[in-house]
């Protein structure tokens, strides 16, 4: 038996609780991983170091979640998207959102997961790249936080 994938409503609720904004994520067609997606990959590991999950997101998802966390204007997100990179503040805020997102994966009967690292615009370490190439379970989502651009993310479980 494997860990269950979080539902889109779970992701929406978590981000809405963090930001205080209406948030709606829905299932999407599988996102193609390549040069432009994902922008950030959150790697979640068990307390013993085993890979337990990844959450891969595009720049718009990361920037919007990070901006909404501390009420940074949406224009900053749009500027980051046009420049193709996150500001240091948005990186820190996105990291915090992804850290709290570990709660999406912690379920009774399974080892506890914590955010181990966030990989930004670089090659993924093994076995993370292997998991992204061939996950046992995968959920692709698309949605928006009220007042911010639409973003995409993929949740992958071994």
Foldseek 3Di string as FASTA:
>chain_A
DAFDAFAQVVLQVLLCVQQVFRKGKHFDDDDDDDQQWFQKKWWKAFPVGHTFKIKTKGLQVLQQSLCSNPVNAQVQSVVCVVVVHDDPSSNVSSVVSVQSCQVSRDDPPDGRIGGPDMDGNDDDDPPVVVQVVPAPDKTKMWIHTPNHDIIIMMMGGD
